[in-house]
Amino acid sequence: MMQVVVVEPSGAWKYQGDGGGSGPATGTFTPAQRAELGKLLSDPALRREGGGLDPRCADAFMYSLTTGSTRVIWTDCGDTSPPTATKIVELLADATPF
């Protein structure tokens, strides 16, 4: 299953998923969600979160988060998830069909 959420600077988002039962969807973040996302994306810690794919987890979610020139890739495998990137994914999951 692959899910993609694209967020525009305006706070508008587009969701595309396959296999999860949710079709394409669009929406807009609330001002509070947009502010929180902006805060997380501008956090210098995000640029230091390398993450990586963990081969120990055979059945885990793999994430790729890209903002500007920063890309964080990781496997949701216990305590190895990058904290700032994980908070961004949680915000996306709360606000979109993701």
Foldseek 3Di string as FASTA:
>chain_A
DDKDWDADLQQKIWIDDPPPPDHIDIDGDDPVLSVVLVVLVPPPLQQVAAADEDPVDPDWDWDWDDDDPGIHIHTPDPPRDRVSVVVNVVSCVVPDVD
